[in-house]
Amino acid sequence: MRTIDWVDGAVELVDQTRLPDECVTLRVETVDELVGAIRRLSVRGAPALGVAGALGVVLARGDQDAVARLRAARPTAVNLAWGVDRAAARIPEGPEAVLETALRIRDDDIAACHAMGERGAELLEGDRLRIMTVCNTGGLACVERGTALGVAQTLHERGRLAEVLALETRPLLQGARLTAWELARMGAPHRLVTDGAGPYLLARGGVDAVLIGADRIAANGDTANKIGSYALALGAERAGVPFIVVAPESTIDPATPSGEHIEIEDRGADEIVAFRGTRVAPEGTDALNPAFDVTPHDLITAIVTEERVIRP
């Protein structure tokens, strides 16, 4: 199954807000529809956003205002702007050139996920490994297979995976709703873990590695990822557990010197004070809702891309 693709002149994508209850494909024919899908997280995950950005430029049909709206739809993940910029650079050559670039970005993402899975599995030593992860980094975050969860899938296919401990990932439960759904589909053993329990379970032992994805990796190796990643990095450091970031080369942003220069998206109070329309906090309660945090490079054991292993 592909998370996002170009089909008969439009973008088709899995609506991730409907999972795990139902798997629904959205057909998107305009830039404004795609921007809405990105902002409400119908499509999410840095690599998938890169593909969405490139395909969105095809939908823009040369409209630079539409391209700008698409590029600014979400600020933290560098892949969205990267995909938009690569496709937009071909606009003077005509729509076929733009589509060619967008489809190449899609195909490159598929190849990169396979390569990251292989490289990450080779980096980890031992059999029957127990992996901890946060958020969703499987095929739903890319086009196919995924980044950090793609490594777990490769381990599973090789008979080397004992279990994935997936943090539920508040406030939108991407770990509970999406990662658990993907792990069940691949037949991999897994259990859910509350976000606050992750560091404690690391301290108890029994976790062989923490694998996360990334939305932006600064030039010095500081990494922005789903909120909760930093706490896992601190727990892993204390417990002596490898903390590994798995992300494509396109997520590395040489123009961002360090983590303090990464813009962190705050998604507002609604996602915290309510869930799927049901209020869980008293009326009038305000909230802080940073969607990401930044893990300093000195807490990262390795960054695995499709091309190399970086040790910050």
Protein backbone atom coordinates (compact mmCIF):
# COMPACT_ATOMS: atom_id res chain seq x y z
CA MET A 1 0.00 0.00 0.00
CA ARG A 2 1.23 3.49 -0.86
CA THR A 3 0.49 6.33 1.51
CA ILE A 4 0.53 8.92 -1.28
CA ASP A 5 0.65 8.67 -5.07
CA TRP A 6 -0.22 10.39 -8.35
CA VAL A 7 -3.22 8.71 -10.00
CA ASP A 8 -4.96 9.92 -13.16
CA GLY A 9 -4.14 13.60 -12.75
CA ALA A 10 -4.65 13.96 -9.00
CA VAL A 11 -2.99 13.18 -5.67
CA GLU A 12 -4.39 10.17 -3.84
CA LEU A 13 -3.49 9.70 -0.19
CA VAL A 14 -4.52 7.64 2.80
CA ASP A 15 -6.50 9.82 5.23
CA GLN A 16 -4.56 9.16 8.41
CA THR A 17 -7.13 10.94 10.57
CA ARG A 18 -9.56 8.06 9.90
CA LEU A 19 -7.21 5.29 11.03
CA PRO A 20 -7.36 2.79 12.65
CA ASP A 21 -11.16 2.64 12.35
CA GLU A 22 -11.19 2.72 8.55
CA CYS A 23 -8.70 3.03 5.72
CA VAL A 24 -9.99 5.75 3.40
CA THR A 25 -8.26 7.15 0.31
CA LEU A 26 -8.67 10.86 -0.43
CA ARG A 27 -8.50 12.17 -3.97
CA VAL A 28 -7.01 15.67 -3.97
CA GLU A 29 -7.29 17.81 -7.08
CA THR A 30 -6.34 21.33 -5.90
CA VAL A 31 -3.55 22.92 -3.89
CA ASP A 32 -5.98 24.27 -1.30
CA GLU A 33 -7.36 20.76 -0.75
CA LEU A 34 -3.83 19.46 -0.30
CA VAL A 35 -2.89 22.26 2.12
CA GLY A 36 -5.97 21.38 4.16
CA ALA A 37 -5.01 17.70 4.18
CA ILE A 38 -1.50 18.59 5.36
CA ARG A 39 -2.66 20.92 8.12
CA ARG A 40 -5.23 18.52 9.56
CA LEU A 41 -2.67 15.66 9.33
CA SER A 42 -4.52 13.57 6.78
CA VAL A 43 -1.03 13.25 5.32
CA ARG A 44 1.92 13.59 7.71
CA GLY A 45 5.46 12.37 8.25
CA ALA A 46 8.44 14.27 6.88
CA PRO A 47 9.18 12.08 3.82
CA ALA A 48 5.49 11.86 2.87
CA LEU A 49 5.26 15.65 3.15
CA GLY A 50 8.19 15.99 0.76
CA VAL A 51 6.35 13.89 -1.81
CA ALA A 52 3.10 15.76 -1.12
CA GLY A 53 4.86 19.08 -1.64
CA ALA A 54 6.30 18.03 -4.97
CA LEU A 55 3.00 16.60 -6.23
CA GLY A 56 1.24 19.73 -5.00
CA VAL A 57 3.38 21.85 -7.31
CA VAL A 58 1.99 19.79 -10.19
CA LEU A 59 -1.52 20.70 -9.00
CA ALA A 60 -0.50 24.39 -8.77
CA ARG A 61 -0.05 24.54 -12.55
CA GLY A 62 2.44 27.38 -12.33
CA ASP A 63 0.50 29.50 -9.80
CA GLN A 64 3.30 30.88 -7.59
CA ASP A 65 0.89 32.02 -4.86
CA ALA A 66 -0.43 28.48 -4.61
CA VAL A 67 3.14 27.16 -4.46
CA ALA A 68 3.92 29.57 -1.60
CA ARG A 69 0.81 28.52 0.36
CA LEU A 70 1.79 24.89 -0.04
CA ARG A 71 5.37 25.51 1.06
CA ALA A 72 4.21 27.23 4.26
CA ALA A 73 1.56 24.66 5.23
CA ARG A 74 3.70 23.26 8.08
CA PRO A 75 6.94 24.87 9.31
CA THR A 76 9.04 22.26 11.13
CA ALA A 77 9.51 19.41 8.65
CA VAL A 78 12.10 20.54 6.13
CA ASN A 79 11.02 17.92 3.59
CA LEU A 80 7.85 19.81 2.65
CA ALA A 81 9.72 22.92 1.51
CA TRP A 82 12.43 20.73 -0.02
CA GLY A 83 9.92 18.83 -2.16
CA VAL A 84 8.11 22.03 -3.19
CA ASP A 85 11.35 23.77 -4.14
CA ARG A 86 12.68 20.88 -6.21
CA ALA A 87 9.48 20.60 -8.23
CA ALA A 88 8.97 24.36 -8.51
CA ALA A 89 12.44 24.77 -10.02
CA ARG A 90 11.15 22.90 -13.09
CA ILE A 91 8.08 25.11 -13.64
CA PRO A 92 9.76 27.13 -16.45
CA GLU A 93 10.24 23.85 -18.37
CA GLY A 94 6.53 23.03 -18.36
CA PRO A 95 4.10 20.77 -16.49
CA GLU A 96 5.61 17.51 -17.73
CA ALA A 97 8.98 18.45 -16.25
CA VAL A 98 7.34 19.28 -12.91
CA LEU A 99 5.51 15.94 -12.86
CA GLU A 100 8.70 14.09 -13.79
CA THR A 101 10.50 15.62 -10.81
CA ALA A 102 7.63 14.88 -8.42
CA LEU A 103 7.46 11.24 -9.47
CA ARG A 104 11.23 10.93 -9.13
CA ILE A 105 10.97 12.24 -5.56
CA ARG A 106 8.27 9.62 -4.89
CA ASP A 107 10.37 6.80 -6.33
CA ASP A 108 13.52 7.99 -4.57
CA ASP A 109 11.65 7.93 -1.25
CA ILE A 110 10.63 4.31 -1.80
CA ALA A 111 14.22 3.32 -2.61
CA ALA A 112 15.56 5.31 0.36
CA CYS A 113 13.24 3.54 2.80
CA HIS A 114 14.44 0.14 1.64
CA ALA A 115 18.06 1.29 1.98
CA MET A 116 17.53 2.77 5.45
CA GLY A 117 15.88 -0.43 6.60
CA GLU A 118 18.86 -2.48 5.45
CA ARG A 119 21.47 -0.08 6.84
CA GLY A 120 19.72 0.29 10.17
CA ALA A 121 19.29 -3.45 10.61
CA GLU A 122 22.97 -4.01 9.85
CA LEU A 123 23.96 -1.36 12.41
CA LEU A 124 22.14 -3.10 15.26
CA GLU A 125 23.86 -6.11 16.76
CA GLY A 126 22.20 -9.21 18.15
CA ASP A 127 19.07 -11.25 17.54
CA ARG A 128 15.60 -11.03 19.08
CA LEU A 129 15.92 -7.28 19.52
CA ARG A 130 13.44 -5.22 21.51
CA ILE A 131 12.95 -1.80 19.92
CA MET A 132 11.31 1.29 21.41
CA THR A 133 9.91 4.04 19.19
CA VAL A 134 7.73 7.14 19.33
CA CYS A 135 5.13 8.53 16.92
CA ASN A 136 4.73 6.89 13.50
CA THR A 137 7.67 6.31 11.19
CA GLY A 138 6.32 3.51 9.00
CA GLY A 139 4.95 3.53 5.49
CA LEU A 140 2.26 6.01 6.55
CA ALA A 141 4.99 8.59 7.17
CA CYS A 142 6.62 7.93 3.81
CA VAL A 143 5.35 6.29 0.62
CA GLU A 144 6.16 2.70 1.56
CA ARG A 145 7.88 0.86 4.46
CA GLY A 146 9.12 3.87 6.43
CA THR A 147 12.22 5.12 8.26
CA ALA A 148 12.66 3.97 11.88
CA LEU A 149 9.76 1.53 11.63
CA GLY A 150 11.20 0.38 8.31
CA VAL A 151 14.27 -0.80 10.24
CA ALA A 152 11.98 -2.72 12.59
CA GLN A 153 10.23 -4.24 9.58
CA THR A 154 13.55 -5.39 8.12
CA LEU A 155 14.51 -6.92 11.47
CA HIS A 156 11.16 -8.69 11.59
CA GLU A 157 11.58 -10.04 8.07
CA ARG A 158 15.01 -11.39 9.07
CA GLY A 159 13.67 -13.04 12.23
CA ARG A 160 15.64 -10.69 14.48
CA LEU A 161 12.79 -8.71 16.07
CA ALA A 162 11.51 -9.74 19.49
CA GLU A 163 9.13 -6.84 20.02
CA VAL A 164 8.41 -3.19 19.29
CA LEU A 165 7.43 -1.05 22.27
CA ALA A 166 5.52 1.84 20.70
CA LEU A 167 4.80 4.98 22.67
CA GLU A 168 1.16 6.02 22.27
CA THR A 169 2.32 9.55 21.34
CA ARG A 170 0.09 12.21 22.81
CA PRO A 171 -1.85 14.26 21.98
CA LEU A 172 -3.06 12.67 18.71
CA LEU A 173 -1.97 9.10 19.48
CA GLN A 174 -0.09 8.48 16.24
CA GLY A 175 1.72 5.64 17.97
CA ALA A 176 -1.47 4.01 19.19
CA ARG A 177 -3.56 4.70 16.09
CA LEU A 178 -0.99 4.40 13.28
CA THR A 179 2.14 2.55 14.42
CA ALA A 180 0.19 -0.22 16.14
CA TRP A 181 -1.98 -0.53 12.99
CA GLU A 182 1.09 -0.89 10.78
CA LEU A 183 2.81 -3.36 13.11
CA ALA A 184 -0.33 -5.50 13.20
CA ARG A 185 -0.48 -5.47 9.40
CA MET A 186 3.13 -6.69 9.15
CA GLY A 187 2.56 -9.32 11.84
CA ALA A 188 5.27 -7.94 14.11
CA PRO A 189 4.99 -8.45 17.89
CA HIS A 190 4.31 -5.18 19.67
CA ARG A 191 2.91 -3.53 22.77
CA LEU A 192 1.81 0.05 23.42
CA VAL A 193 3.52 2.14 26.08
CA THR A 194 2.30 5.39 27.63
CA ASP A 195 4.56 8.32 26.81
CA GLY A 196 5.59 8.88 30.43
CA ALA A 197 6.55 5.21 30.89
CA GLY A 198 9.20 5.18 28.14
CA PRO A 199 12.20 6.46 30.16
CA TYR A 200 11.26 4.28 33.13
CA LEU A 201 11.15 1.14 30.98
CA LEU A 202 14.52 2.05 29.51
CA ALA A 203 15.94 2.32 33.02
CA ARG A 204 14.58 -1.15 33.88
CA GLY A 205 16.48 -2.74 31.00
CA GLY A 206 15.14 -4.99 28.29
CA VAL A 207 15.22 -2.39 25.50
CA ASP A 208 18.03 -2.88 22.99
CA ALA A 209 17.65 0.35 21.00
CA VAL A 210 15.46 3.41 20.58
CA LEU A 211 14.66 4.20 16.95
CA ILE A 212 13.03 7.48 15.95
CA GLY A 213 12.46 9.41 12.75
CA ALA A 214 13.14 13.10 12.15
CA ASP A 215 11.40 16.14 10.77
CA ARG A 216 14.54 18.24 10.49
CA ILE A 217 18.19 17.50 11.27
CA ALA A 218 20.34 20.59 11.79
CA ALA A 219 23.86 20.89 10.43
CA ASN A 220 25.36 19.95 13.82
CA GLY A 221 23.12 16.86 14.18
CA ASP A 222 20.49 18.31 16.52
CA THR A 223 17.24 16.61 15.54
CA ALA A 224 13.63 17.78 15.65
CA ASN A 225 11.11 14.97 15.97
CA LYS A 226 7.73 14.31 17.54
CA ILE A 227 7.33 15.66 21.06
CA GLY A 228 8.53 13.02 23.51
CA SER A 229 11.67 12.14 21.58
CA TYR A 230 13.91 14.24 23.84
CA ALA A 231 12.67 12.46 26.97
CA LEU A 232 13.47 9.11 25.36
CA ALA A 233 16.96 10.35 24.44
CA LEU A 234 17.62 11.37 28.04
CA GLY A 235 16.34 8.02 29.30
CA ALA A 236 18.38 6.12 26.75
CA GLU A 237 21.56 8.03 27.66
CA ARG A 238 21.12 7.24 31.33
CA ALA A 239 20.36 3.58 30.60
CA GLY A 240 23.19 3.13 28.10
CA VAL A 241 20.78 2.25 25.28
CA PRO A 242 21.61 3.29 21.68
CA PHE A 243 19.43 6.19 20.48
CA ILE A 244 19.26 6.10 16.69
CA VAL A 245 17.67 8.56 14.28
CA VAL A 246 16.56 7.12 10.92
CA ALA A 247 15.78 9.67 8.22
CA PRO A 248 16.52 10.32 4.53
CA GLU A 249 19.25 12.70 3.42
CA SER A 250 16.53 15.20 2.45
CA THR A 251 15.74 15.69 6.16
CA ILE A 252 19.25 17.02 6.84
CA ASP A 253 19.15 20.81 6.59
CA PRO A 254 22.64 22.34 6.20
CA ALA A 255 21.07 25.82 6.28
CA THR A 256 19.97 25.30 9.90
CA PRO A 257 23.10 25.51 12.09
CA SER A 258 21.64 23.94 15.25
CA GLY A 259 18.44 22.93 16.97
CA GLU A 260 17.83 26.35 18.46
CA HIS A 261 17.24 27.64 14.91
CA ILE A 262 14.47 25.11 14.16
CA GLU A 263 10.97 26.57 14.23
CA ILE A 264 8.78 24.35 16.40
CA GLU A 265 5.14 24.24 15.39
CA ASP A 266 2.59 24.82 18.16
CA ARG A 267 -0.71 23.30 17.04
CA GLY A 268 -2.92 25.09 19.56
CA ALA A 269 -5.02 23.95 22.47
CA ASP A 270 -7.78 22.02 20.68
CA GLU A 271 -5.75 18.83 20.24
CA ILE A 272 -5.03 18.69 24.00
CA VAL A 273 -8.27 19.83 25.61
CA ALA A 274 -10.33 17.57 23.35
CA PHE A 275 -9.89 14.38 21.36
CA ARG A 276 -11.92 13.65 18.24
CA GLY A 277 -14.50 16.19 19.30
CA THR A 278 -14.85 14.99 22.90
CA ARG A 279 -13.73 17.46 25.56
CA VAL A 280 -11.30 16.00 28.11
CA ALA A 281 -10.44 19.20 30.01
CA PRO A 282 -12.69 21.76 31.73
CA GLU A 283 -14.24 24.44 29.55
CA GLY A 284 -11.92 27.42 29.19
CA THR A 285 -8.70 25.46 29.77
CA ASP A 286 -5.81 26.73 27.65
CA ALA A 287 -2.82 24.61 26.63
CA LEU A 288 0.66 24.59 25.16
CA ASN A 289 0.99 22.14 22.29
CA PRO A 290 4.48 21.96 20.75
CA ALA A 291 4.24 19.27 18.08
CA PHE A 292 7.98 18.57 18.15
CA ASP A 293 11.00 18.77 20.41
CA VAL A 294 14.73 18.91 19.66
CA THR A 295 17.19 16.23 20.74
CA PRO A 296 20.76 17.61 21.04
CA HIS A 297 23.29 15.83 18.89
CA ASP A 298 25.34 14.64 21.88
CA LEU A 299 22.43 12.38 22.93
CA ILE A 300 22.23 10.73 19.49
CA THR A 301 24.22 7.53 18.95
CA ALA A 302 23.85 7.51 15.16
CA ILE A 303 21.87 9.00 12.30
CA VAL A 304 21.04 6.45 9.62
CA THR A 305 20.22 7.68 6.12
CA GLU A 306 19.91 5.86 2.82
CA GLU A 307 23.55 6.72 2.07
CA ARG A 308 25.51 6.59 5.32
CA VAL A 309 25.68 6.27 9.10
CA ILE A 310 26.54 9.54 10.83
CA ARG A 311 27.80 9.54 14.41
CA PRO A 312 27.23 13.06 15.77
